[in-house]
Amino acid sequence: MKTAFSYFAISPTYLDERKFQAWFKKYAPNKVEKLRNLLENHRNIKWYWELTEDQVDLRTKYYKANILLLECLNTSDVVDYEVKEEIIEALLLPIAEIKKRQR
């Protein structure tokens, strides 16, 4: 079943940095435009981000850290399934929500 967001999925093939960069340069502008249109039309969300170089660098580090964490979780035999699920569910949550869950 395809959802609106399935069009934005990135194949595991592109977890390799060079392949991802090539994919990003080729397809990102189109994907970003599709996502922007989807959000504007279905959620009435309109914004235009002008990220600084530092912000882009931080986003890249965040992306790589999440990929590393997922790879570690997927190859670990030590971490319980429930703990893995809890970590994965919290990956993209805002800090305030994560702190709320810790209480």
N, C-alpha and C. Protein backbone atom coordinates (compact mmCIF):
# COMPACT_ATOMS: atom_id res chain seq x y z
N MET A 1 0.84 -1.19 0.00
CA MET A 1 0.00 0.00 0.00
C MET A 1 0.88 1.25 0.00
N LYS A 2 0.67 2.11 -0.97
CA LYS A 2 1.46 3.33 -1.05
C LYS A 2 0.77 4.43 -0.26
N THR A 3 1.57 5.15 0.48
CA THR A 3 1.06 6.32 1.19
C THR A 3 1.67 7.55 0.54
N ALA A 4 1.19 8.70 0.94
CA ALA A 4 1.73 9.94 0.38
C ALA A 4 3.22 10.04 0.63
N PHE A 5 3.68 9.56 1.79
CA PHE A 5 5.09 9.71 2.13
C PHE A 5 5.96 8.60 1.55
N SER A 6 5.37 7.57 0.96
CA SER A 6 6.20 6.51 0.37
C SER A 6 6.99 7.03 -0.83
N TYR A 7 6.56 8.13 -1.40
CA TYR A 7 7.28 8.72 -2.52
C TYR A 7 8.61 9.34 -2.09
N PHE A 8 8.79 9.52 -0.79
CA PHE A 8 9.99 10.18 -0.29
C PHE A 8 10.96 9.20 0.33
N ALA A 9 10.68 7.92 0.25
CA ALA A 9 11.53 6.91 0.86
C ALA A 9 12.89 6.87 0.16
N ILE A 10 13.90 6.56 0.94
CA ILE A 10 15.26 6.42 0.40
C ILE A 10 15.63 4.95 0.50
N SER A 11 16.03 4.39 -0.59
CA SER A 11 16.42 2.98 -0.62
C SER A 11 17.64 2.75 0.26
N PRO A 12 17.73 1.57 0.91
CA PRO A 12 18.92 1.25 1.71
C PRO A 12 20.22 1.33 0.91
N THR A 13 20.11 1.20 -0.41
CA THR A 13 21.29 1.31 -1.28
C THR A 13 21.97 2.66 -1.07
N TYR A 14 21.21 3.67 -0.73
CA TYR A 14 21.74 5.02 -0.64
C TYR A 14 22.27 5.36 0.75
N LEU A 15 22.43 4.36 1.59
CA LEU A 15 23.03 4.61 2.90
C LEU A 15 24.53 4.86 2.75
N ASP A 16 25.11 4.42 1.63
CA ASP A 16 26.51 4.73 1.33
C ASP A 16 26.58 6.23 1.03
N GLU A 17 27.48 6.94 1.68
CA GLU A 17 27.54 8.40 1.61
C GLU A 17 27.66 8.93 0.18
N ARG A 18 28.57 8.36 -0.61
CA ARG A 18 28.77 8.86 -1.97
C ARG A 18 27.53 8.64 -2.83
N LYS A 19 26.93 7.45 -2.69
CA LYS A 19 25.72 7.16 -3.46
C LYS A 19 24.59 8.08 -3.02
N PHE A 20 24.51 8.32 -1.71
CA PHE A 20 23.46 9.21 -1.21
C PHE A 20 23.65 10.62 -1.75
N GLN A 21 24.89 11.12 -1.75
CA GLN A 21 25.15 12.48 -2.24
C GLN A 21 24.76 12.59 -3.72
N ALA A 22 25.10 11.57 -4.51
CA ALA A 22 24.74 11.59 -5.93
C ALA A 22 23.23 11.57 -6.10
N TRP A 23 22.57 10.70 -5.32
CA TRP A 23 21.11 10.62 -5.37
C TRP A 23 20.50 11.96 -4.96
N PHE A 24 21.04 12.54 -3.89
CA PHE A 24 20.50 13.79 -3.35
C PHE A 24 20.59 14.91 -4.37
N LYS A 25 21.75 15.04 -5.02
CA LYS A 25 21.92 16.10 -6.02
C LYS A 25 20.95 15.92 -7.19
N LYS A 26 20.72 14.67 -7.56
CA LYS A 26 19.87 14.40 -8.73
C LYS A 26 18.38 14.54 -8.41
N TYR A 27 17.95 13.99 -7.27
CA TYR A 27 16.52 13.87 -6.99
C TYR A 27 15.98 14.79 -5.90
N ALA A 28 16.83 15.31 -5.06
CA ALA A 28 16.34 16.09 -3.91
C ALA A 28 15.47 17.28 -4.29
N PRO A 29 15.88 18.09 -5.27
CA PRO A 29 15.02 19.24 -5.58
C PRO A 29 13.59 18.84 -5.92
N ASN A 30 13.43 17.79 -6.71
CA ASN A 30 12.11 17.32 -7.08
C ASN A 30 11.36 16.77 -5.86
N LYS A 31 12.05 15.98 -5.04
CA LYS A 31 11.42 15.40 -3.85
C LYS A 31 11.02 16.49 -2.86
N VAL A 32 11.89 17.48 -2.68
CA VAL A 32 11.58 18.58 -1.76
C VAL A 32 10.35 19.33 -2.25
N GLU A 33 10.28 19.57 -3.54
CA GLU A 33 9.13 20.28 -4.09
C GLU A 33 7.85 19.46 -3.90
N LYS A 34 7.91 18.15 -4.13
CA LYS A 34 6.75 17.29 -3.91
C LYS A 34 6.31 17.32 -2.45
N LEU A 35 7.29 17.24 -1.55
CA LEU A 35 6.97 17.27 -0.12
C LEU A 35 6.36 18.62 0.26
N ARG A 36 6.93 19.70 -0.23
CA ARG A 36 6.40 21.03 0.05
C ARG A 36 4.95 21.14 -0.42
N ASN A 37 4.68 20.68 -1.64
CA ASN A 37 3.32 20.72 -2.18
C ASN A 37 2.37 19.86 -1.35
N LEU A 38 2.84 18.68 -0.97
CA LEU A 38 2.02 17.78 -0.16
C LEU A 38 1.65 18.44 1.17
N LEU A 39 2.63 19.03 1.84
CA LEU A 39 2.37 19.68 3.12
C LEU A 39 1.47 20.90 2.96
N GLU A 40 1.70 21.68 1.92
CA GLU A 40 0.88 22.86 1.70
C GLU A 40 -0.57 22.48 1.39
N ASN A 41 -0.75 21.47 0.56
CA ASN A 41 -2.10 21.09 0.13
C ASN A 41 -2.88 20.31 1.18
N HIS A 42 -2.21 19.44 1.91
CA HIS A 42 -2.93 18.55 2.82
C HIS A 42 -2.86 18.96 4.28
N ARG A 43 -1.90 19.76 4.64
CA ARG A 43 -1.76 20.15 6.05
C ARG A 43 -1.72 21.66 6.23
N ASN A 44 -1.86 22.38 5.13
CA ASN A 44 -1.83 23.84 5.17
C ASN A 44 -0.59 24.36 5.89
N ILE A 45 0.53 23.71 5.62
CA ILE A 45 1.80 24.11 6.22
C ILE A 45 2.63 24.76 5.12
N LYS A 46 3.01 25.99 5.33
CA LYS A 46 3.83 26.68 4.33
C LYS A 46 5.03 27.30 5.02
N TRP A 47 6.20 26.93 4.57
CA TRP A 47 7.42 27.54 5.08
C TRP A 47 8.52 27.36 4.04
N TYR A 48 9.45 28.24 4.09
CA TYR A 48 10.59 28.15 3.19
C TYR A 48 11.85 28.26 4.03
N TRP A 49 12.60 27.19 4.05
CA TRP A 49 13.80 27.13 4.88
C TRP A 49 14.99 27.67 4.11
N GLU A 50 15.71 28.51 4.77
CA GLU A 50 16.98 29.01 4.25
C GLU A 50 18.02 28.59 5.28
N LEU A 51 18.58 27.41 5.11
CA LEU A 51 19.51 26.87 6.10
C LEU A 51 20.91 27.40 5.86
N THR A 52 21.59 27.69 6.95
CA THR A 52 22.99 28.10 6.86
C THR A 52 23.84 26.85 6.64
N GLU A 53 25.08 27.07 6.30
CA GLU A 53 26.00 25.94 6.10
C GLU A 53 26.14 25.12 7.38
N ASP A 54 26.18 25.80 8.53
CA ASP A 54 26.27 25.10 9.82
C ASP A 54 25.03 24.24 10.07
N GLN A 55 23.86 24.76 9.72
CA GLN A 55 22.63 24.00 9.91
C GLN A 55 22.59 22.77 9.01
N VAL A 56 23.04 22.92 7.78
CA VAL A 56 23.10 21.78 6.86
C VAL A 56 24.09 20.74 7.39
N ASP A 57 25.23 21.21 7.90
CA ASP A 57 26.23 20.31 8.47
C ASP A 57 25.66 19.56 9.68
N LEU A 58 24.93 20.26 10.53
CA LEU A 58 24.31 19.64 11.69
C LEU A 58 23.28 18.60 11.27
N ARG A 59 22.49 18.90 10.25
CA ARG A 59 21.50 17.95 9.73
C ARG A 59 22.19 16.69 9.20
N THR A 60 23.30 16.88 8.52
CA THR A 60 24.05 15.74 7.99
C THR A 60 24.59 14.87 9.12
N LYS A 61 25.13 15.50 10.15
CA LYS A 61 25.64 14.75 11.31
C LYS A 61 24.51 14.00 12.01
N TYR A 62 23.36 14.64 12.14
CA TYR A 62 22.19 14.02 12.76
C TYR A 62 21.75 12.79 11.95
N TYR A 63 21.70 12.94 10.63
CA TYR A 63 21.34 11.84 9.74
C TYR A 63 22.31 10.66 9.91
N LYS A 64 23.61 10.97 9.87
CA LYS A 64 24.62 9.91 9.99
C LYS A 64 24.56 9.22 11.35
N ALA A 65 24.33 10.00 12.41
CA ALA A 65 24.23 9.41 13.75
C ALA A 65 23.04 8.47 13.85
N ASN A 66 21.92 8.85 13.25
CA ASN A 66 20.74 7.99 13.27
C ASN A 66 20.96 6.71 12.47
N ILE A 67 21.62 6.83 11.33
CA ILE A 67 21.94 5.64 10.53
C ILE A 67 22.85 4.71 11.31
N LEU A 68 23.87 5.25 11.95
CA LEU A 68 24.78 4.44 12.76
C LEU A 68 24.03 3.74 13.88
N LEU A 69 23.18 4.46 14.57
CA LEU A 69 22.40 3.87 15.66
C LEU A 69 21.51 2.74 15.15
N LEU A 70 20.85 2.95 14.02
CA LEU A 70 20.00 1.90 13.45
C LEU A 70 20.81 0.68 13.03
N GLU A 71 21.98 0.91 12.44
CA GLU A 71 22.84 -0.22 12.05
C GLU A 71 23.29 -1.00 13.28
N CYS A 72 23.65 -0.30 14.34
CA CYS A 72 24.06 -0.97 15.58
C CYS A 72 22.90 -1.78 16.17
N LEU A 73 21.73 -1.19 16.20
CA LEU A 73 20.56 -1.90 16.73
C LEU A 73 20.23 -3.13 15.90
N ASN A 74 20.34 -3.01 14.59
CA ASN A 74 19.99 -4.12 13.71
C ASN A 74 20.99 -5.27 13.78
N THR A 75 22.22 -4.99 14.19
CA THR A 75 23.22 -6.05 14.24
C THR A 75 23.47 -6.56 15.66
N SER A 76 22.82 -5.94 16.64
CA SER A 76 23.06 -6.31 18.03
C SER A 76 22.22 -7.50 18.47
N ASP A 77 22.87 -8.44 19.13
CA ASP A 77 22.16 -9.56 19.73
C ASP A 77 21.96 -9.33 21.23
N VAL A 78 22.56 -8.28 21.74
CA VAL A 78 22.55 -8.01 23.18
C VAL A 78 21.32 -7.21 23.60
N VAL A 79 20.87 -6.30 22.75
CA VAL A 79 19.75 -5.41 23.10
C VAL A 79 18.43 -6.13 22.86
N ASP A 80 17.56 -6.09 23.88
CA ASP A 80 16.23 -6.71 23.77
C ASP A 80 15.40 -6.05 22.68
N TYR A 81 14.49 -6.81 22.10
CA TYR A 81 13.61 -6.31 21.05
C TYR A 81 12.80 -5.10 21.54
N GLU A 82 12.28 -5.18 22.76
CA GLU A 82 11.47 -4.09 23.31
C GLU A 82 12.28 -2.80 23.43
N VAL A 83 13.53 -2.93 23.85
CA VAL A 83 14.40 -1.76 23.98
C VAL A 83 14.69 -1.18 22.60
N LYS A 84 14.95 -2.04 21.63
CA LYS A 84 15.19 -1.57 20.26
C LYS A 84 13.98 -0.77 19.75
N GLU A 85 12.79 -1.32 19.96
CA GLU A 85 11.57 -0.65 19.51
C GLU A 85 11.41 0.71 20.18
N GLU A 86 11.70 0.77 21.47
CA GLU A 86 11.59 2.02 22.22
C GLU A 86 12.55 3.08 21.66
N ILE A 87 13.76 2.66 21.36
CA ILE A 87 14.77 3.58 20.81
C ILE A 87 14.32 4.07 19.43
N ILE A 88 13.88 3.15 18.60
CA ILE A 88 13.46 3.51 17.24
C ILE A 88 12.27 4.47 17.27
N GLU A 89 11.31 4.22 18.17
CA GLU A 89 10.14 5.10 18.28
C GLU A 89 10.53 6.51 18.70
N ALA A 90 11.61 6.64 19.45
CA ALA A 90 12.02 7.95 19.97
C ALA A 90 13.01 8.68 19.06
N LEU A 91 13.43 8.05 17.98
CA LEU A 91 14.48 8.64 17.14
C LEU A 91 14.20 10.06 16.69
N LEU A 92 13.03 10.34 16.19
CA LEU A 92 12.77 11.65 15.61
C LEU A 92 11.89 12.54 16.49
N LEU A 93 11.73 12.16 17.74
CA LEU A 93 10.92 12.97 18.65
C LEU A 93 11.67 14.23 19.08
N PRO A 94 10.92 15.30 19.36
CA PRO A 94 11.56 16.49 19.93
C PRO A 94 12.14 16.17 21.30
N ILE A 95 13.17 16.88 21.71
CA ILE A 95 13.84 16.66 22.99
C ILE A 95 12.84 16.71 24.15
N ALA A 96 11.91 17.67 24.13
CA ALA A 96 10.94 17.80 25.22
C ALA A 96 10.11 16.53 25.38
N GLU A 97 9.72 15.93 24.26
CA GLU A 97 8.92 14.69 24.32
C GLU A 97 9.76 13.53 24.85
N ILE A 98 11.01 13.46 24.47
CA ILE A 98 11.90 12.40 24.97
C ILE A 98 12.06 12.53 26.48
N LYS A 99 12.26 13.76 26.96
CA LYS A 99 12.41 13.97 28.41
C LYS A 99 11.13 13.60 29.15
N LYS A 100 9.98 13.91 28.55
CA LYS A 100 8.69 13.55 29.16
C LYS A 100 8.57 12.04 29.33
N ARG A 101 9.01 11.29 28.33
CA ARG A 101 8.93 9.83 28.36
C ARG A 101 9.88 9.21 29.38
N GLN A 102 10.94 9.92 29.73
CA GLN A 102 11.92 9.40 30.68
C GLN A 102 11.40 9.45 32.11
N ARG A 103 10.40 10.24 32.38
CA ARG A 103 9.88 10.38 33.75
C ARG A 103 9.05 9.21 34.16
